[in-house]
Amino acid sequence: MDVKYDLASYVRVLKMASTPSWNEFSQIAKVAGAGIFLVGLLGFVIFAVMTLLPGGV
């Protein structure tokens, strides 16, 4: 393991990184929120189907 090479790689990546613009951030937040909502909705639908089936939870 070459520590100097690893540190140089990390520094290079940090120099290339930039803060996202407000539009970019809000778009990412909307997509992440929609994903969380869809996973929760899917879990609720599965729970509701399992509850309504005979012998469900």
N, C-alpha and C. Protein backbone atom coordinates (compact mmCIF):
# COMPACT_ATOMS: atom_id res chain seq x y z
N MET A 1 0.84 -1.18 0.00
CA MET A 1 0.00 0.00 0.00
C MET A 1 0.88 1.24 0.00
N ASP A 2 0.73 2.05 -1.02
CA ASP A 2 1.54 3.26 -1.17
C ASP A 2 0.75 4.45 -0.63
N VAL A 3 1.14 4.91 0.55
CA VAL A 3 0.38 5.96 1.23
C VAL A 3 0.45 7.27 0.46
N LYS A 4 1.61 7.62 -0.09
CA LYS A 4 1.74 8.88 -0.84
C LYS A 4 0.82 8.88 -2.06
N TYR A 5 0.77 7.76 -2.77
CA TYR A 5 -0.08 7.66 -3.95
C TYR A 5 -1.55 7.78 -3.55
N ASP A 6 -1.94 7.12 -2.47
CA ASP A 6 -3.33 7.19 -2.01
C ASP A 6 -3.70 8.61 -1.62
N LEU A 7 -2.84 9.28 -0.86
CA LEU A 7 -3.13 10.65 -0.45
C LEU A 7 -3.21 11.59 -1.65
N ALA A 8 -2.34 11.39 -2.62
CA ALA A 8 -2.38 12.23 -3.83
C ALA A 8 -3.69 12.01 -4.58
N SER A 9 -4.15 10.78 -4.62
CA SER A 9 -5.43 10.49 -5.28
C SER A 9 -6.59 11.18 -4.56
N TYR A 10 -6.57 11.12 -3.22
CA TYR A 10 -7.64 11.76 -2.45
C TYR A 10 -7.64 13.27 -2.65
N VAL A 11 -6.46 13.87 -2.64
CA VAL A 11 -6.35 15.31 -2.83
C VAL A 11 -6.84 15.70 -4.22
N ARG A 12 -6.51 14.92 -5.23
CA ARG A 12 -6.94 15.21 -6.60
C ARG A 12 -8.47 15.18 -6.70
N VAL A 13 -9.08 14.20 -6.07
CA VAL A 13 -10.55 14.10 -6.10
C VAL A 13 -11.17 15.28 -5.38
N LEU A 14 -10.63 15.66 -4.22
CA LEU A 14 -11.19 16.79 -3.48
C LEU A 14 -11.04 18.11 -4.24
N LYS A 15 -9.96 18.26 -4.99
CA LYS A 15 -9.78 19.48 -5.79
C LYS A 15 -10.79 19.54 -6.93
N MET A 16 -11.15 18.39 -7.49
CA MET A 16 -12.12 18.36 -8.59
C MET A 16 -13.55 18.56 -8.11
N ALA A 17 -13.81 18.20 -6.85
CA ALA A 17 -15.17 18.28 -6.32
C ALA A 17 -15.60 19.73 -6.18
N SER A 18 -16.89 19.97 -6.38
CA SER A 18 -17.42 21.33 -6.22
C SER A 18 -18.78 21.25 -5.55
N THR A 19 -19.16 22.34 -4.97
CA THR A 19 -20.47 22.43 -4.32
C THR A 19 -21.55 22.50 -5.39
N PRO A 20 -22.62 21.70 -5.27
CA PRO A 20 -23.67 21.75 -6.29
C PRO A 20 -24.45 23.06 -6.23
N SER A 21 -24.98 23.44 -7.36
CA SER A 21 -25.83 24.64 -7.40
C SER A 21 -27.15 24.32 -6.70
N TRP A 22 -27.92 25.38 -6.44
CA TRP A 22 -29.19 25.17 -5.75
C TRP A 22 -30.14 24.32 -6.60
N ASN A 23 -30.15 24.54 -7.90
CA ASN A 23 -31.03 23.76 -8.79
C ASN A 23 -30.64 22.29 -8.78
N GLU A 24 -29.33 22.02 -8.84
CA GLU A 24 -28.86 20.64 -8.82
C GLU A 24 -29.21 19.97 -7.50
N PHE A 25 -29.00 20.69 -6.39
CA PHE A 25 -29.32 20.14 -5.08
C PHE A 25 -30.80 19.85 -4.93
N SER A 26 -31.65 20.78 -5.37
CA SER A 26 -33.09 20.58 -5.22
C SER A 26 -33.58 19.42 -6.08
N GLN A 27 -32.99 19.25 -7.25
CA GLN A 27 -33.39 18.13 -8.11
C GLN A 27 -33.00 16.80 -7.46
N ILE A 28 -31.81 16.72 -6.91
CA ILE A 28 -31.37 15.50 -6.23
C ILE A 28 -32.26 15.22 -5.02
N ALA A 29 -32.62 16.27 -4.28
CA ALA A 29 -33.48 16.10 -3.11
C ALA A 29 -34.87 15.60 -3.51
N LYS A 30 -35.39 16.10 -4.61
CA LYS A 30 -36.71 15.66 -5.09
C LYS A 30 -36.68 14.19 -5.49
N VAL A 31 -35.63 13.79 -6.20
CA VAL A 31 -35.52 12.39 -6.64
C VAL A 31 -35.37 11.47 -5.43
N ALA A 32 -34.54 11.87 -4.47
CA ALA A 32 -34.35 11.05 -3.26
C ALA A 32 -35.66 10.97 -2.47
N GLY A 33 -36.37 12.08 -2.35
CA GLY A 33 -37.65 12.08 -1.64
C GLY A 33 -38.68 11.20 -2.32
N ALA A 34 -38.72 11.25 -3.64
CA ALA A 34 -39.65 10.41 -4.39
C ALA A 34 -39.31 8.93 -4.19
N GLY A 35 -38.03 8.60 -4.17
CA GLY A 35 -37.62 7.22 -3.94
C GLY A 35 -38.03 6.73 -2.56
N ILE A 36 -37.82 7.56 -1.54
CA ILE A 36 -38.22 7.20 -0.18
C ILE A 36 -39.73 7.01 -0.10
N PHE A 37 -40.48 7.91 -0.74
CA PHE A 37 -41.93 7.80 -0.75
C PHE A 37 -42.39 6.52 -1.43
N LEU A 38 -41.79 6.18 -2.57
CA LEU A 38 -42.20 4.97 -3.29
C LEU A 38 -41.88 3.70 -2.51
N VAL A 39 -40.74 3.66 -1.85
CA VAL A 39 -40.41 2.49 -1.03
C VAL A 39 -41.39 2.36 0.12
N GLY A 40 -41.73 3.47 0.76
CA GLY A 40 -42.71 3.44 1.85
C GLY A 40 -44.08 3.02 1.36
N LEU A 41 -44.49 3.52 0.22
CA LEU A 41 -45.78 3.16 -0.36
C LEU A 41 -45.82 1.67 -0.70
N LEU A 42 -44.74 1.16 -1.27
CA LEU A 42 -44.67 -0.26 -1.59
C LEU A 42 -44.77 -1.11 -0.31
N GLY A 43 -44.08 -0.70 0.73
CA GLY A 43 -44.18 -1.42 2.00
C GLY A 43 -45.59 -1.39 2.56
N PHE A 44 -46.25 -0.24 2.46
CA PHE A 44 -47.62 -0.14 2.95
C PHE A 44 -48.57 -1.02 2.16
N VAL A 45 -48.40 -1.04 0.84
CA VAL A 45 -49.27 -1.88 -0.02
C VAL A 45 -49.07 -3.35 0.33
N ILE A 46 -47.83 -3.77 0.52
CA ILE A 46 -47.57 -5.16 0.89
C ILE A 46 -48.19 -5.47 2.23
N PHE A 47 -48.06 -4.55 3.19
CA PHE A 47 -48.67 -4.74 4.52
C PHE A 47 -50.19 -4.85 4.40
N ALA A 48 -50.80 -3.95 3.59
CA ALA A 48 -52.26 -3.96 3.45
C ALA A 48 -52.73 -5.25 2.80
N VAL A 49 -52.03 -5.72 1.79
CA VAL A 49 -52.42 -6.97 1.12
C VAL A 49 -52.28 -8.14 2.09
N MET A 50 -51.22 -8.19 2.83
CA MET A 50 -51.01 -9.29 3.79
C MET A 50 -52.05 -9.26 4.90
N THR A 51 -52.49 -8.07 5.29
CA THR A 51 -53.50 -7.95 6.35
C THR A 51 -54.87 -8.39 5.83
N LEU A 52 -55.19 -8.06 4.59
CA LEU A 52 -56.52 -8.37 4.06
C LEU A 52 -56.65 -9.84 3.64
N LEU A 53 -55.56 -10.51 3.36
CA LEU A 53 -55.62 -11.92 2.97
C LEU A 53 -56.03 -12.76 4.19
N PRO A 54 -56.78 -13.83 3.96
CA PRO A 54 -57.12 -14.71 5.07
C PRO A 54 -55.84 -15.34 5.66
N GLY A 55 -55.77 -15.35 6.97
CA GLY A 55 -54.59 -15.90 7.64
C GLY A 55 -53.42 -14.95 7.64
N GLY A 56 -53.66 -13.68 7.35
CA GLY A 56 -52.59 -12.68 7.34
C GLY A 56 -52.16 -12.34 8.76
N VAL A 57 -51.29 -11.38 8.86
CA VAL A 57 -50.71 -11.00 10.15
C VAL A 57 -51.77 -10.49 11.08
